C-alpha atoms as a PDB file:
ATOM      1  CA  UNK A   1     142.107 142.033 155.437  1.00  0.00           C
ATOM      2  CA  UNK A   2     143.773 139.373 153.320  1.00  0.00           C
ATOM      3  CA  UNK A   3     142.968 136.221 151.375  1.00  0.00           C
ATOM      4  CA  UNK A   4     145.499 134.071 149.503  1.00  0.00           C
ATOM      5  CA  UNK A   5     144.646 133.332 145.863  1.00  0.00           C
ATOM      6  CA  UNK A   6     145.974 130.146 144.339  1.00  0.00           C
ATOM      7  CA  UNK A   7     145.167 128.999 140.819  1.00  0.00           C
ATOM      8  CA  UNK A   8     145.019 125.211 140.472  1.00  0.00           C
ATOM      9  CA  UNK A   9     144.689 123.641 137.042  1.00  0.00           C
ATOM     10  CA  UNK A  10     141.925 121.049 136.977  1.00  0.00           C
ATOM     11  CA  UNK A  11     142.091 120.302 133.251  1.00  0.00           C
ATOM     12  CA  UNK A  12     143.225 122.006 130.062  1.00  0.00           C
ATOM     13  CA  UNK A  13     140.484 124.626 130.423  1.00  0.00           C
ATOM     14  CA  UNK A  14     139.350 124.642 134.058  1.00  0.00           C
ATOM     15  CA  UNK A  15     141.048 126.294 136.994  1.00  0.00           C
ATOM     16  CA  UNK A  16     140.193 126.819 140.645  1.00  0.00           C
ATOM     17  CA  UNK A  17     141.020 130.269 141.973  1.00  0.00           C
ATOM     18  CA  UNK A  18     141.608 130.812 145.671  1.00  0.00           C
ATOM     19  CA  UNK A  19     142.536 134.363 146.447  1.00  0.00           C
ATOM     20  CA  UNK A  20     144.368 137.100 148.305  1.00  0.00           C
ATOM     21  CA  UNK A  21     142.907 140.542 148.603  1.00  0.00           C
ATOM     22  CA  UNK A  22     145.276 142.941 150.284  1.00  0.00           C
ATOM     23  CA  UNK A  23     144.386 146.342 151.614  1.00  0.00           C
ATOM     24  CA  UNK A  24     147.193 148.769 150.871  1.00  0.00           C
ATOM     25  CA  UNK A  25     146.600 152.374 151.884  1.00  0.00           C
ATOM     26  CA  UNK A  26     142.868 151.666 151.860  1.00  0.00           C
ATOM     27  CA  UNK A  27     142.931 150.430 148.279  1.00  0.00           C
ATOM     28  CA  UNK A  28     142.091 146.786 147.757  1.00  0.00           C
ATOM     29  CA  UNK A  29     144.006 144.854 145.110  1.00  0.00           C
ATOM     30  CA  UNK A  30     144.159 141.272 144.023  1.00  0.00           C
ATOM     31  CA  UNK A  31     147.364 139.261 144.434  1.00  0.00           C
ATOM     32  CA  UNK A  32     147.327 135.729 143.056  1.00  0.00           C
ATOM     33  CA  UNK A  33     149.679 132.857 143.929  1.00  0.00           C
ATOM     34  CA  UNK A  34     150.660 131.041 140.739  1.00  0.00           C
ATOM     35  CA  UNK A  35     153.013 128.221 139.806  1.00  0.00           C
ATOM     36  CA  UNK A  36     152.880 128.289 136.005  1.00  0.00           C
ATOM     37  CA  UNK A  37     153.026 130.747 133.115  1.00  0.00           C
ATOM     38  CA  UNK A  38     149.478 129.814 132.146  1.00  0.00           C
ATOM     39  CA  UNK A  39     148.176 130.569 135.639  1.00  0.00           C
ATOM     40  CA  UNK A  40     150.039 133.886 135.635  1.00  0.00           C
ATOM     41  CA  UNK A  41     148.474 134.937 132.325  1.00  0.00           C
ATOM     42  CA  UNK A  42     144.974 133.880 133.385  1.00  0.00           C
ATOM     43  CA  UNK A  43     145.381 135.691 136.709  1.00  0.00           C
ATOM     44  CA  UNK A  44     146.290 138.901 134.890  1.00  0.00           C
ATOM     45  CA  UNK A  45     143.278 138.509 132.622  1.00  0.00           C
ATOM     46  CA  UNK A  46     141.169 137.990 135.744  1.00  0.00           C
ATOM     47  CA  UNK A  47     142.259 141.286 137.278  1.00  0.00           C
ATOM     48  CA  UNK A  48     145.273 140.403 139.405  1.00  0.00           C
ATOM     49  CA  UNK A  49     147.430 143.412 140.270  1.00  0.00           C
ATOM     50  CA  UNK A  50     150.375 141.380 141.568  1.00  0.00           C
ATOM     51  CA  UNK A  51     151.552 137.765 141.375  1.00  0.00           C
ATOM     52  CA  UNK A  52     153.208 135.630 144.010  1.00  0.00           C
ATOM     53  CA  UNK A  53     155.272 133.162 142.019  1.00  0.00           C
ATOM     54  CA  UNK A  54     155.933 129.778 143.605  1.00  0.00           C
ATOM     55  CA  UNK A  55     156.595 126.229 142.670  1.00  0.00           C
ATOM     56  CA  UNK A  56     154.771 123.294 144.267  1.00  0.00           C
ATOM     57  CA  UNK A  57     151.663 125.071 145.498  1.00  0.00           C
ATOM     58  CA  UNK A  58     150.414 121.686 146.690  1.00  0.00           C
ATOM     59  CA  UNK A  59     153.252 121.823 149.272  1.00  0.00           C
ATOM     60  CA  UNK A  60     152.347 125.339 150.358  1.00  0.00           C
ATOM     61  CA  UNK A  61     154.550 127.083 147.801  1.00  0.00           C
ATOM     62  CA  UNK A  62     158.305 126.761 147.316  1.00  0.00           C
ATOM     63  CA  UNK A  63     160.960 128.915 145.629  1.00  0.00           C
ATOM     64  CA  UNK A  64     160.304 129.098 141.874  1.00  0.00           C
ATOM     65  CA  UNK A  65     162.965 128.432 139.273  1.00  0.00           C
ATOM     66  CA  UNK A  66     164.740 131.241 137.446  1.00  0.00           C
ATOM     67  CA  UNK A  67     163.379 129.793 134.201  1.00  0.00           C
ATOM     68  CA  UNK A  68     159.785 130.009 135.418  1.00  0.00           C
ATOM     69  CA  UNK A  69     160.260 133.625 136.546  1.00  0.00           C
ATOM     70  CA  UNK A  70     161.845 134.527 133.222  1.00  0.00           C
ATOM     71  CA  UNK A  71     158.915 133.115 131.242  1.00  0.00           C
ATOM     72  CA  UNK A  72     156.321 134.714 133.521  1.00  0.00           C
ATOM     73  CA  UNK A  73     158.003 138.132 133.209  1.00  0.00           C
ATOM     74  CA  UNK A  74     157.917 137.807 129.393  1.00  0.00           C
ATOM     75  CA  UNK A  75     154.159 137.257 129.497  1.00  0.00           C
ATOM     76  CA  UNK A  76     152.791 139.588 132.174  1.00  0.00           C
ATOM     77  CA  UNK A  77     153.132 143.279 132.915  1.00  0.00           C
ATOM     78  CA  UNK A  78     152.239 143.308 136.610  1.00  0.00           C
ATOM     79  CA  UNK A  79     154.693 142.949 139.527  1.00  0.00           C
ATOM     80  CA  UNK A  80     155.898 139.430 140.334  1.00  0.00           C
ATOM     81  CA  UNK A  81     156.968 138.604 143.885  1.00  0.00           C
ATOM     82  CA  UNK A  82     158.912 135.358 144.329  1.00  0.00           C
ATOM     83  CA  UNK A  83     158.485 132.945 147.210  1.00  0.00           C
ATOM     84  CA  UNK A  84     161.643 132.140 149.171  1.00  0.00           C
ATOM     85  CA  UNK A  85     161.054 128.745 150.759  1.00  0.00           C
ATOM     86  CA  UNK A  86     163.464 125.865 150.159  1.00  0.00           C
ATOM     87  CA  UNK A  87     161.194 122.987 151.189  1.00  0.00           C
ATOM     88  CA  UNK A  88     157.827 122.081 152.628  1.00  0.00           C
ATOM     89  CA  UNK A  89     157.311 121.624 156.338  1.00  0.00           C
ATOM     90  CA  UNK A  90     158.187 124.087 159.039  1.00  0.00           C
ATOM     91  CA  UNK A  91     159.786 127.494 158.549  1.00  0.00           C
ATOM     92  CA  UNK A  92     162.893 126.776 160.641  1.00  0.00           C
ATOM     93  CA  UNK A  93     165.853 126.909 158.277  1.00  0.00           C
ATOM     94  CA  UNK A  94     169.393 125.584 158.609  1.00  0.00           C
ATOM     95  CA  UNK A  95     172.417 127.709 157.739  1.00  0.00           C
ATOM     96  CA  UNK A  96     172.744 125.741 154.472  1.00  0.00           C
ATOM     97  CA  UNK A  97     169.126 126.459 153.535  1.00  0.00           C
ATOM     98  CA  UNK A  98     169.625 130.158 154.302  1.00  0.00           C
ATOM     99  CA  UNK A  99     172.768 130.232 152.141  1.00  0.00           C
ATOM    100  CA  UNK A 100     170.942 128.595 149.229  1.00  0.00           C
ATOM    101  CA  UNK A 101     168.001 131.013 149.561  1.00  0.00           C
ATOM    102  CA  UNK A 102     170.395 133.971 149.421  1.00  0.00           C
ATOM    103  CA  UNK A 103     171.753 132.623 146.127  1.00  0.00           C
ATOM    104  CA  UNK A 104     168.217 132.031 144.830  1.00  0.00           C
ATOM    105  CA  UNK A 105     167.267 135.558 145.853  1.00  0.00           C
ATOM    106  CA  UNK A 106     170.127 137.102 143.886  1.00  0.00           C
ATOM    107  CA  UNK A 107     169.397 135.012 140.784  1.00  0.00           C
ATOM    108  CA  UNK A 108     165.674 135.762 140.952  1.00  0.00           C
ATOM    109  CA  UNK A 109     166.332 139.477 141.485  1.00  0.00           C
ATOM    110  CA  UNK A 110     168.719 139.527 138.511  1.00  0.00           C
ATOM    111  CA  UNK A 111     166.007 137.815 136.433  1.00  0.00           C
ATOM    112  CA  UNK A 112     163.434 140.487 137.262  1.00  0.00           C
ATOM    113  CA  UNK A 113     161.708 139.658 140.550  1.00  0.00           C
ATOM    114  CA  UNK A 114     159.811 142.738 141.733  1.00  0.00           C
ATOM    115  CA  UNK A 115     159.717 141.586 145.338  1.00  0.00           C
ATOM    116  CA  UNK A 116     160.076 138.618 147.644  1.00  0.00           C
ATOM    117  CA  UNK A 117     157.838 136.652 149.981  1.00  0.00           C
ATOM    118  CA  UNK A 118     159.504 134.872 152.891  1.00  0.00           C
ATOM    119  CA  UNK A 119     159.273 134.006 156.554  1.00  0.00           C
ATOM    120  CA  UNK A 120     161.449 132.281 159.109  1.00  0.00           C
ATOM    121  CA  UNK A 121     160.678 130.925 162.548  1.00  0.00           C
ATOM    122  CA  UNK A 122     162.679 129.489 165.421  1.00  0.00           C
ATOM    123  CA  UNK A 123     162.070 125.985 166.750  1.00  0.00           C
ATOM    124  CA  UNK A 124     159.649 127.416 169.351  1.00  0.00           C
ATOM    125  CA  UNK A 125     157.576 129.034 166.544  1.00  0.00           C
ATOM    126  CA  UNK A 126     158.602 132.560 167.376  1.00  0.00           C
ATOM    127  CA  UNK A 127     159.894 134.945 164.745  1.00  0.00           C
ATOM    128  CA  UNK A 128     163.464 134.210 163.632  1.00  0.00           C
ATOM    129  CA  UNK A 129     164.393 137.874 163.499  1.00  0.00           C
ATOM    130  CA  UNK A 130     168.028 137.236 162.543  1.00  0.00           C
ATOM    131  CA  UNK A 131     167.160 135.112 159.505  1.00  0.00           C
ATOM    132  CA  UNK A 132     164.506 137.574 158.353  1.00  0.00           C
ATOM    133  CA  UNK A 133     167.031 140.385 158.768  1.00  0.00           C
ATOM    134  CA  UNK A 134     169.526 138.466 156.606  1.00  0.00           C
ATOM    135  CA  UNK A 135     166.925 138.210 153.820  1.00  0.00           C
ATOM    136  CA  UNK A 136     165.916 141.863 154.117  1.00  0.00           C
ATOM    137  CA  UNK A 137     169.549 142.990 153.987  1.00  0.00           C
ATOM    138  CA  UNK A 138     170.052 140.973 150.789  1.00  0.00           C
ATOM    139  CA  UNK A 139     167.158 142.765 149.129  1.00  0.00           C
ATOM    140  CA  UNK A 140     167.810 145.954 147.194  1.00  0.00           C
ATOM    141  CA  UNK A 141     166.563 149.079 148.942  1.00  0.00           C
ATOM    142  CA  UNK A 142     163.800 149.777 146.448  1.00  0.00           C
ATOM    143  CA  UNK A 143     162.312 146.287 146.366  1.00  0.00           C
ATOM    144  CA  UNK A 144     159.336 145.218 148.438  1.00  0.00           C
ATOM    145  CA  UNK A 145     159.002 142.123 150.607  1.00  0.00           C
ATOM    146  CA  UNK A 146     156.163 140.289 152.320  1.00  0.00           C
ATOM    147  CA  UNK A 147     156.299 138.031 155.366  1.00  0.00           C
ATOM    148  CA  UNK A 148     154.448 134.899 154.198  1.00  0.00           C
ATOM    149  CA  UNK A 149     152.300 132.219 155.760  1.00  0.00           C
ATOM    150  CA  UNK A 150     154.868 131.440 158.446  1.00  0.00           C
ATOM    151  CA  UNK A 151     152.883 134.141 160.235  1.00  0.00           C
ATOM    152  CA  UNK A 152     150.044 131.615 160.596  1.00  0.00           C
ATOM    153  CA  UNK A 153     152.310 129.346 162.659  1.00  0.00           C
ATOM    154  CA  UNK A 154     153.651 131.954 165.082  1.00  0.00           C
ATOM    155  CA  UNK A 155     152.620 131.270 168.674  1.00  0.00           C
ATOM    156  CA  UNK A 156     151.688 134.905 169.381  1.00  0.00           C
ATOM    157  CA  UNK A 157     151.078 136.645 166.016  1.00  0.00           C
ATOM    158  CA  UNK A 158     150.241 140.013 167.553  1.00  0.00           C
ATOM    159  CA  UNK A 159     153.617 140.098 169.281  1.00  0.00           C
ATOM    160  CA  UNK A 160     155.551 140.150 165.989  1.00  0.00           C
ATOM    161  CA  UNK A 161     153.391 142.662 164.148  1.00  0.00           C
ATOM    162  CA  UNK A 162     155.412 145.697 165.249  1.00  0.00           C
ATOM    163  CA  UNK A 163     158.724 143.892 164.676  1.00  0.00           C
ATOM    164  CA  UNK A 164     157.802 143.152 161.086  1.00  0.00           C
END
């Protein structure tokens, strides 16, 4: 099963933690979505085994900056997966958005991203296999990827499970 954990800062000392528990080979681990260095550090202290780094969690999570990734990597020792999402809204991307995400992916990888989180859909909310394939082909062979919350918007989620 899975939950998504998001740390939201309420004040200088209070945070709300929403979470993701993933089952990998029957071992449960905690992955936390964060959008700041402080949230990343607190998540590690709280037992996170992996971070999903985003910007603008209030918009559902967007691609983080290279600077944010760099600072997070200096302060944590667990894997950091970076969100690839150029804007809020749907998950149907133009050729320009895809081109910019490919550049972001390379820069984030060169800065130390341990994996990527992405998803792409067609206008009819079916899996955009070609765009996902483009992203996967840009990723180094030994790096992991996760299909993100676009899955929640697919018309027939069970139909794409085997494809993914």
